[in-house]
N, C-alpha and C. Protein backbone atom coordinates (compact mmCIF):
# COMPACT_ATOMS: atom_id res chain seq x y z
N MET A 1 103.18 85.68 101.43
CA MET A 1 102.66 86.33 100.25
C MET A 1 101.41 87.10 100.65
N GLN A 2 101.34 88.37 100.25
CA GLN A 2 100.16 89.20 100.50
C GLN A 2 99.47 89.43 99.17
N VAL A 3 98.20 89.08 99.09
CA VAL A 3 97.44 89.22 97.86
C VAL A 3 96.14 89.93 98.16
N GLY A 4 95.86 91.00 97.42
CA GLY A 4 94.66 91.80 97.64
C GLY A 4 93.40 91.16 97.09
N LYS A 5 92.30 91.86 97.27
CA LYS A 5 91.00 91.33 96.83
C LYS A 5 90.91 91.32 95.31
N ASN A 6 90.21 90.30 94.80
CA ASN A 6 90.00 90.12 93.37
C ASN A 6 91.30 90.05 92.58
N THR A 7 92.35 89.55 93.20
CA THR A 7 93.63 89.34 92.53
C THR A 7 93.77 87.87 92.19
N HIS A 8 94.26 87.59 90.98
CA HIS A 8 94.41 86.21 90.51
C HIS A 8 95.86 85.96 90.12
N ILE A 9 96.44 84.92 90.69
CA ILE A 9 97.78 84.47 90.31
C ILE A 9 97.64 83.02 89.84
N ASP A 10 97.92 82.78 88.56
CA ASP A 10 97.78 81.42 88.01
C ASP A 10 98.61 80.43 88.82
N GLU A 11 98.13 79.19 88.86
CA GLU A 11 98.80 78.17 89.68
C GLU A 11 100.20 77.81 89.17
N ASN A 12 100.50 78.03 87.91
CA ASN A 12 101.83 77.69 87.41
C ASN A 12 102.75 78.90 87.28
N VAL A 13 102.51 79.91 88.10
CA VAL A 13 103.43 81.06 88.23
C VAL A 13 104.45 80.71 89.31
N PHE A 14 105.75 80.93 89.01
CA PHE A 14 106.80 80.69 89.99
C PHE A 14 107.18 82.02 90.63
N ILE A 15 107.09 82.07 91.96
CA ILE A 15 107.49 83.26 92.72
C ILE A 15 108.53 82.80 93.73
N LYS A 16 109.77 83.25 93.56
CA LYS A 16 110.87 82.80 94.42
C LYS A 16 110.73 83.33 95.85
N HIS A 17 110.53 84.63 95.98
CA HIS A 17 110.48 85.25 97.32
C HIS A 17 109.03 85.47 97.73
N LYS A 18 108.34 84.38 98.03
CA LYS A 18 106.93 84.49 98.42
C LYS A 18 106.77 85.31 99.70
N ASP A 19 107.77 85.29 100.56
CA ASP A 19 107.68 86.02 101.83
C ASP A 19 107.66 87.54 101.63
N THR A 20 108.19 88.05 100.51
CA THR A 20 108.19 89.49 100.27
C THR A 20 107.33 89.89 99.07
N PHE A 21 106.57 88.94 98.52
CA PHE A 21 105.71 89.24 97.37
C PHE A 21 104.43 89.89 97.85
N VAL A 22 104.10 91.05 97.26
CA VAL A 22 102.88 91.78 97.61
C VAL A 22 102.16 92.14 96.32
N ALA A 23 100.88 91.81 96.23
CA ALA A 23 100.05 92.20 95.10
C ALA A 23 98.81 92.90 95.64
N GLY A 24 98.52 94.07 95.10
CA GLY A 24 97.35 94.83 95.54
C GLY A 24 96.06 94.22 95.01
N ASP A 25 95.01 95.02 94.98
CA ASP A 25 93.69 94.59 94.53
C ASP A 25 93.61 94.57 93.00
N TYR A 26 92.81 93.65 92.48
CA TYR A 26 92.49 93.57 91.05
C TYR A 26 93.73 93.38 90.17
N CYS A 27 94.66 92.56 90.60
CA CYS A 27 95.85 92.24 89.80
C CYS A 27 95.68 90.87 89.15
N ASN A 28 96.36 90.67 88.03
CA ASN A 28 96.41 89.37 87.36
C ASN A 28 97.86 89.06 87.03
N VAL A 29 98.31 87.88 87.44
CA VAL A 29 99.63 87.36 87.06
C VAL A 29 99.34 86.05 86.34
N LEU A 30 99.60 86.02 85.04
CA LEU A 30 99.15 84.91 84.21
C LEU A 30 100.20 83.82 84.04
N SER A 31 99.81 82.75 83.41
CA SER A 31 100.56 81.49 83.38
C SER A 31 101.97 81.59 82.82
N ASN A 32 102.80 80.66 83.30
CA ASN A 32 104.18 80.49 82.84
C ASN A 32 105.04 81.73 83.06
N THR A 33 104.79 82.41 84.15
CA THR A 33 105.58 83.58 84.54
C THR A 33 106.50 83.20 85.68
N MET A 34 107.72 83.77 85.66
CA MET A 34 108.69 83.53 86.73
C MET A 34 109.13 84.86 87.32
N ILE A 35 109.03 84.97 88.63
CA ILE A 35 109.39 86.20 89.34
C ILE A 35 110.38 85.83 90.43
N SER A 36 111.64 86.27 90.28
CA SER A 36 112.62 85.93 91.31
C SER A 36 112.99 87.07 92.25
N PRO A 37 112.85 88.36 91.88
CA PRO A 37 113.22 89.39 92.86
C PRO A 37 112.12 89.62 93.89
N HIS A 38 112.43 90.43 94.89
CA HIS A 38 111.44 90.90 95.85
C HIS A 38 110.50 91.81 95.05
N THR A 39 109.19 91.55 95.14
CA THR A 39 108.25 92.19 94.21
C THR A 39 107.06 92.79 94.94
N THR A 40 106.68 94.00 94.47
CA THR A 40 105.48 94.66 94.95
C THR A 40 104.67 95.13 93.75
N LEU A 41 103.40 94.72 93.71
CA LEU A 41 102.48 95.17 92.68
C LEU A 41 101.43 96.05 93.33
N GLY A 42 101.11 97.17 92.69
CA GLY A 42 100.04 98.04 93.19
C GLY A 42 98.69 97.45 92.85
N ASN A 43 97.69 98.29 92.71
CA ASN A 43 96.34 97.86 92.34
C ASN A 43 96.17 97.89 90.82
N HIS A 44 95.33 96.98 90.30
CA HIS A 44 95.01 96.93 88.88
C HIS A 44 96.25 96.72 88.01
N CYS A 45 97.12 95.82 88.39
CA CYS A 45 98.33 95.51 87.61
C CYS A 45 98.13 94.21 86.83
N LEU A 46 98.79 94.12 85.68
CA LEU A 46 98.74 92.92 84.86
C LEU A 46 100.15 92.48 84.50
N ILE A 47 100.43 91.20 84.76
CA ILE A 47 101.64 90.57 84.25
C ILE A 47 101.14 89.44 83.35
N ASP A 48 101.34 89.60 82.05
CA ASP A 48 100.81 88.64 81.08
C ASP A 48 101.65 87.36 81.05
N ARG A 49 101.33 86.46 80.16
CA ARG A 49 101.95 85.13 80.09
C ARG A 49 103.43 85.19 79.68
N PHE A 50 104.17 84.20 80.16
CA PHE A 50 105.57 83.96 79.76
C PHE A 50 106.49 85.15 80.07
N VAL A 51 106.24 85.85 81.16
CA VAL A 51 107.09 86.96 81.60
C VAL A 51 108.16 86.41 82.52
N LEU A 52 109.37 86.95 82.39
CA LEU A 52 110.48 86.61 83.27
C LEU A 52 110.97 87.89 83.93
N ILE A 53 110.96 87.90 85.26
CA ILE A 53 111.51 89.02 86.04
C ILE A 53 112.58 88.40 86.91
N ALA A 54 113.86 88.71 86.63
CA ALA A 54 114.97 88.00 87.27
C ALA A 54 115.93 88.96 87.95
N GLY A 55 116.46 88.51 89.08
CA GLY A 55 117.42 89.28 89.86
C GLY A 55 117.08 89.20 91.33
N SER A 56 117.31 88.04 91.91
CA SER A 56 116.85 87.71 93.27
C SER A 56 117.23 88.71 94.35
N ASN A 57 118.35 89.38 94.22
CA ASN A 57 118.82 90.25 95.29
C ASN A 57 118.30 91.68 95.19
N TYR A 58 117.41 91.94 94.25
CA TYR A 58 116.95 93.31 93.99
C TYR A 58 115.44 93.39 94.10
N LYS A 59 114.88 94.57 93.81
CA LYS A 59 113.45 94.79 93.99
C LYS A 59 112.80 95.25 92.68
N PHE A 60 111.67 94.61 92.37
CA PHE A 60 110.85 95.00 91.23
C PHE A 60 109.54 95.55 91.76
N THR A 61 109.15 96.73 91.26
CA THR A 61 107.93 97.38 91.72
C THR A 61 107.10 97.82 90.53
N MET A 62 105.80 97.51 90.60
CA MET A 62 104.83 98.02 89.63
C MET A 62 103.80 98.82 90.42
N GLU A 63 103.66 100.09 90.10
CA GLU A 63 102.63 100.89 90.76
C GLU A 63 101.27 100.69 90.07
N ASP A 64 100.24 101.30 90.61
CA ASP A 64 98.86 101.11 90.14
C ASP A 64 98.70 101.28 88.63
N PHE A 65 97.83 100.42 88.06
CA PHE A 65 97.45 100.47 86.65
C PHE A 65 98.64 100.32 85.71
N SER A 66 99.60 99.48 86.08
CA SER A 66 100.76 99.21 85.22
C SER A 66 100.63 97.80 84.65
N GLY A 67 101.30 97.57 83.51
CA GLY A 67 101.17 96.26 82.90
C GLY A 67 102.39 95.83 82.11
N LEU A 68 102.56 94.50 82.06
CA LEU A 68 103.62 93.87 81.27
C LEU A 68 102.97 92.97 80.24
N GLY A 69 103.32 93.16 78.97
CA GLY A 69 102.81 92.29 77.91
C GLY A 69 103.49 90.94 77.94
N GLY A 70 102.94 89.99 77.20
CA GLY A 70 103.49 88.64 77.15
C GLY A 70 104.94 88.60 76.70
N GLY A 71 105.71 87.73 77.32
CA GLY A 71 107.08 87.51 76.92
C GLY A 71 108.08 88.58 77.33
N VAL A 72 107.67 89.55 78.13
CA VAL A 72 108.60 90.59 78.58
C VAL A 72 109.69 89.97 79.45
N ARG A 73 110.90 90.48 79.34
CA ARG A 73 112.04 90.07 80.16
C ARG A 73 112.55 91.30 80.91
N ILE A 74 112.55 91.21 82.23
CA ILE A 74 113.08 92.30 83.06
C ILE A 74 114.25 91.73 83.85
N TRP A 75 115.41 92.31 83.65
CA TRP A 75 116.65 91.85 84.31
C TRP A 75 117.07 92.88 85.34
N LEU A 76 117.24 92.44 86.59
CA LEU A 76 117.71 93.31 87.65
C LEU A 76 119.18 93.09 87.93
N GLN A 77 119.75 92.12 87.24
CA GLN A 77 121.20 91.90 87.28
C GLN A 77 121.61 91.23 85.98
N SER A 78 122.79 91.63 85.49
CA SER A 78 123.26 91.12 84.20
C SER A 78 124.77 91.25 84.14
N ASN A 79 125.36 90.50 83.24
CA ASN A 79 126.78 90.67 82.96
C ASN A 79 127.00 91.93 82.13
N ASP A 80 128.22 92.46 82.20
CA ASP A 80 128.64 93.56 81.34
C ASP A 80 129.37 92.92 80.17
N TYR A 81 128.66 92.66 79.11
CA TYR A 81 129.21 91.90 77.99
C TYR A 81 130.29 92.66 77.22
N THR A 82 130.37 93.96 77.39
CA THR A 82 131.39 94.75 76.70
C THR A 82 132.73 94.70 77.41
N ASN A 83 132.72 94.74 78.73
CA ASN A 83 133.95 94.92 79.49
C ASN A 83 134.36 93.73 80.35
N SER A 84 133.55 92.69 80.41
CA SER A 84 133.83 91.60 81.34
C SER A 84 133.58 90.24 80.70
N LEU A 85 134.09 89.22 81.38
CA LEU A 85 133.77 87.85 81.00
C LEU A 85 132.30 87.57 81.28
N ILE A 86 131.73 86.64 80.56
CA ILE A 86 130.39 86.17 80.89
C ILE A 86 130.58 85.18 82.03
N SER A 87 130.02 85.51 83.19
CA SER A 87 130.27 84.72 84.39
C SER A 87 129.03 84.70 85.28
N THR A 88 129.20 84.13 86.43
CA THR A 88 128.10 84.11 87.40
C THR A 88 128.05 85.37 88.24
N LYS A 89 129.01 86.27 88.08
CA LYS A 89 129.04 87.52 88.84
C LYS A 89 128.48 88.66 88.00
N ALA A 90 127.32 89.18 88.38
CA ALA A 90 126.69 90.27 87.64
C ALA A 90 127.41 91.58 87.91
N GLN A 91 127.69 92.32 86.85
CA GLN A 91 128.33 93.63 86.99
C GLN A 91 127.33 94.78 86.81
N VAL A 92 126.22 94.52 86.15
CA VAL A 92 125.20 95.54 85.92
C VAL A 92 124.00 95.15 86.77
N THR A 93 123.69 95.96 87.79
CA THR A 93 122.64 95.59 88.74
C THR A 93 121.79 96.80 89.12
N GLY A 94 120.60 96.54 89.61
CA GLY A 94 119.77 97.59 90.16
C GLY A 94 118.29 97.27 90.08
N ASP A 95 117.52 97.92 90.91
CA ASP A 95 116.07 97.74 90.96
C ASP A 95 115.42 98.26 89.68
N VAL A 96 114.22 97.77 89.40
CA VAL A 96 113.40 98.29 88.30
C VAL A 96 112.05 98.66 88.89
N THR A 97 111.61 99.87 88.57
CA THR A 97 110.34 100.39 89.07
C THR A 97 109.51 100.89 87.89
N MET A 98 108.25 100.50 87.89
CA MET A 98 107.28 101.02 86.93
C MET A 98 106.31 101.90 87.70
N LYS A 99 106.30 103.18 87.39
CA LYS A 99 105.38 104.11 88.05
C LYS A 99 103.96 103.93 87.54
N LYS A 100 103.00 104.61 88.15
CA LYS A 100 101.59 104.48 87.80
C LYS A 100 101.36 104.68 86.30
N TYR A 101 100.42 103.90 85.77
CA TYR A 101 99.93 104.00 84.39
C TYR A 101 100.99 103.70 83.34
N SER A 102 102.04 102.96 83.69
CA SER A 102 103.10 102.65 82.74
C SER A 102 102.91 101.24 82.19
N GLY A 103 103.56 100.96 81.06
CA GLY A 103 103.42 99.65 80.47
C GLY A 103 104.61 99.27 79.61
N ILE A 104 104.81 97.96 79.48
CA ILE A 104 105.89 97.42 78.67
C ILE A 104 105.25 96.46 77.67
N GLY A 105 105.49 96.67 76.37
CA GLY A 105 104.90 95.85 75.32
C GLY A 105 105.55 94.48 75.20
N CYS A 106 104.84 93.56 74.55
CA CYS A 106 105.25 92.16 74.40
C CYS A 106 106.70 92.02 73.93
N ASN A 107 107.38 91.05 74.54
CA ASN A 107 108.73 90.64 74.15
C ASN A 107 109.80 91.72 74.28
N SER A 108 109.53 92.76 75.04
CA SER A 108 110.55 93.77 75.29
C SER A 108 111.51 93.30 76.37
N VAL A 109 112.70 93.88 76.40
CA VAL A 109 113.72 93.57 77.39
C VAL A 109 114.07 94.85 78.14
N ILE A 110 113.98 94.79 79.46
CA ILE A 110 114.32 95.93 80.32
C ILE A 110 115.54 95.52 81.14
N MET A 111 116.61 96.28 81.04
CA MET A 111 117.83 95.99 81.77
C MET A 111 117.79 96.65 83.16
N PRO A 112 118.74 96.32 84.04
CA PRO A 112 118.70 96.78 85.42
C PRO A 112 118.76 98.30 85.58
N ASN A 113 118.34 98.70 86.78
CA ASN A 113 118.48 100.07 87.25
C ASN A 113 117.70 101.05 86.38
N ASN A 114 116.41 100.77 86.20
CA ASN A 114 115.56 101.65 85.42
C ASN A 114 114.31 102.02 86.20
N ILE A 115 113.85 103.24 85.97
CA ILE A 115 112.56 103.70 86.46
C ILE A 115 111.75 104.11 85.24
N ILE A 116 110.64 103.42 85.03
CA ILE A 116 109.73 103.78 83.95
C ILE A 116 108.77 104.80 84.57
N PRO A 117 108.83 106.07 84.13
CA PRO A 117 108.05 107.12 84.79
C PRO A 117 106.54 106.98 84.61
N GLU A 118 105.81 107.75 85.38
CA GLU A 118 104.36 107.75 85.31
C GLU A 118 103.89 107.96 83.88
N GLY A 119 102.95 107.09 83.45
CA GLY A 119 102.32 107.24 82.16
C GLY A 119 103.16 106.85 80.96
N THR A 120 104.36 106.36 81.17
CA THR A 120 105.26 106.04 80.07
C THR A 120 105.08 104.60 79.64
N VAL A 121 105.12 104.37 78.32
CA VAL A 121 105.03 103.02 77.79
C VAL A 121 106.20 102.74 76.86
N VAL A 122 106.56 101.44 76.82
CA VAL A 122 107.61 100.94 75.94
C VAL A 122 106.94 99.97 74.97
N GLY A 123 107.10 100.22 73.66
CA GLY A 123 106.46 99.39 72.65
C GLY A 123 107.05 98.00 72.56
N ALA A 124 106.31 97.09 71.92
CA ALA A 124 106.70 95.70 71.77
C ALA A 124 108.08 95.57 71.12
N ASN A 125 108.80 94.53 71.54
CA ASN A 125 110.10 94.17 70.97
C ASN A 125 111.17 95.25 71.15
N SER A 126 111.05 96.06 72.17
CA SER A 126 112.03 97.12 72.43
C SER A 126 113.09 96.65 73.41
N PHE A 127 114.24 97.32 73.40
CA PHE A 127 115.33 97.04 74.33
C PHE A 127 115.64 98.31 75.10
N VAL A 128 115.57 98.22 76.43
CA VAL A 128 115.85 99.36 77.30
C VAL A 128 117.16 99.10 78.03
N PRO A 129 118.22 99.88 77.74
CA PRO A 129 119.50 99.69 78.42
C PRO A 129 119.44 100.17 79.87
N PRO A 130 120.44 99.83 80.68
CA PRO A 130 120.44 100.31 82.07
C PRO A 130 120.41 101.84 82.13
N ASN A 131 119.75 102.36 83.15
CA ASN A 131 119.75 103.79 83.45
C ASN A 131 119.23 104.65 82.31
N PHE A 132 118.21 104.20 81.60
CA PHE A 132 117.71 104.97 80.47
C PHE A 132 116.97 106.22 80.95
N PRO A 133 117.21 107.39 80.31
CA PRO A 133 116.59 108.65 80.74
C PRO A 133 115.20 108.88 80.14
N PHE A 134 114.19 108.22 80.69
CA PHE A 134 112.81 108.36 80.21
C PHE A 134 112.23 109.72 80.58
N GLU A 135 111.14 110.10 79.88
CA GLU A 135 110.31 111.25 80.23
C GLU A 135 108.92 110.74 80.57
N GLU A 136 108.23 111.40 81.49
CA GLU A 136 106.86 111.02 81.84
C GLU A 136 105.94 111.15 80.64
N TRP A 137 104.89 110.32 80.62
CA TRP A 137 103.81 110.35 79.64
C TRP A 137 104.35 110.38 78.21
N SER A 138 105.23 109.44 77.92
CA SER A 138 105.85 109.33 76.61
C SER A 138 105.75 107.90 76.10
N VAL A 139 105.90 107.74 74.79
CA VAL A 139 105.90 106.44 74.13
C VAL A 139 107.29 106.21 73.54
N TYR A 140 107.89 105.07 73.90
CA TYR A 140 109.23 104.70 73.43
C TYR A 140 109.15 103.38 72.68
N VAL A 141 109.98 103.24 71.64
CA VAL A 141 110.04 101.99 70.88
C VAL A 141 111.45 101.75 70.37
N GLY A 142 111.73 100.49 70.04
CA GLY A 142 112.88 100.15 69.23
C GLY A 142 114.11 99.65 69.94
N ASN A 143 115.11 99.39 69.10
CA ASN A 143 116.44 98.98 69.53
C ASN A 143 117.44 99.56 68.53
N PRO A 144 118.04 100.72 68.84
CA PRO A 144 118.00 101.39 70.15
C PRO A 144 116.67 102.08 70.40
N ILE A 145 116.33 102.12 71.67
CA ILE A 145 115.07 102.72 72.06
C ILE A 145 115.10 104.23 71.84
N ARG A 146 113.92 104.76 71.45
CA ARG A 146 113.82 106.20 71.22
C ARG A 146 112.37 106.64 71.47
N LYS A 147 112.21 107.88 71.86
CA LYS A 147 110.87 108.43 72.06
C LYS A 147 110.26 108.72 70.69
N ILE A 148 108.99 108.30 70.51
CA ILE A 148 108.33 108.59 69.25
C ILE A 148 107.20 109.62 69.38
N LYS A 149 106.61 109.73 70.60
CA LYS A 149 105.56 110.73 70.78
C LYS A 149 105.18 110.82 72.25
N ASP A 150 104.35 111.81 72.56
CA ASP A 150 103.77 111.93 73.89
C ASP A 150 102.56 111.00 73.97
N ARG A 151 102.27 110.53 75.18
CA ARG A 151 101.11 109.68 75.41
C ARG A 151 99.92 110.54 75.81
N ASN A 152 98.72 110.11 75.45
CA ASN A 152 97.50 110.87 75.71
C ASN A 152 97.05 110.67 77.16
N LYS A 153 97.51 111.54 78.04
CA LYS A 153 97.22 111.43 79.47
C LYS A 153 95.72 111.54 79.75
N GLU A 154 95.05 112.45 79.07
CA GLU A 154 93.61 112.65 79.29
C GLU A 154 92.82 111.37 79.00
N SER A 155 93.14 110.71 77.91
CA SER A 155 92.47 109.46 77.53
C SER A 155 92.74 108.35 78.54
N VAL A 156 93.99 108.23 78.95
CA VAL A 156 94.37 107.19 79.92
C VAL A 156 93.66 107.41 81.25
N MET A 157 93.63 108.65 81.72
CA MET A 157 93.01 108.93 83.01
C MET A 157 91.48 108.74 82.95
N ALA A 158 90.86 108.98 81.80
CA ALA A 158 89.43 108.70 81.64
C ALA A 158 89.18 107.19 81.76
N GLU A 159 90.06 106.39 81.19
CA GLU A 159 89.92 104.94 81.30
C GLU A 159 90.12 104.47 82.74
N VAL A 160 91.06 105.07 83.44
CA VAL A 160 91.28 104.74 84.86
C VAL A 160 90.01 105.05 85.66
N ALA A 161 89.41 106.21 85.43
CA ALA A 161 88.19 106.58 86.14
C ALA A 161 87.08 105.56 85.88
N GLU A 162 86.99 105.07 84.66
CA GLU A 162 85.98 104.07 84.31
C GLU A 162 86.24 102.76 85.05
N PHE A 163 87.50 102.31 85.10
CA PHE A 163 87.86 101.11 85.85
C PHE A 163 87.47 101.25 87.32
N LEU A 164 87.79 102.39 87.90
CA LEU A 164 87.50 102.59 89.32
C LEU A 164 86.01 102.59 89.59
N LYS A 165 85.23 103.15 88.69
CA LYS A 165 83.78 103.17 88.84
C LYS A 165 83.22 101.73 88.77
N GLU A 166 83.75 100.92 87.84
CA GLU A 166 83.29 99.54 87.67
C GLU A 166 83.69 98.64 88.84
N SER A 167 84.82 98.93 89.49
CA SER A 167 85.30 98.04 90.55
C SER A 167 84.69 98.34 91.91
N LYS A 168 83.79 99.30 91.99
CA LYS A 168 83.13 99.60 93.27
C LYS A 168 82.03 98.63 93.57
């Protein structure tokens, strides 16, 4: 496990692949979280309480200044409930990547094979199907998920600059 400076991982966090787990500087992974895929966190990342990131054979990546709210579920492998039996063989699979400045709100579900673009956020209690076509710097909510507005990039980047100034 590689952990950067000023990074905190609560003692009751379960990380399956400790040999490939990487967390940058100033990250927090909070209590009762389970991480089973190969995982890389950038700098200034937050994984809140009771998060589940599942799919041991795949890769989960969070780039700098990204965050997961409490209770988020990220699936990197799942059954195809429409076309297949519910079994131990996953038919829907793929890595999940969160680009810089992205976030997922509390209790949302992210299905396999998704890239959350730079600056994009998903509101609380939303469902993201596999291969969803996101746009950068946008706000998405709901089930079915839909774009509701553009995100204020100038405001977010001002906050990032403030964080960087404070962490020196």
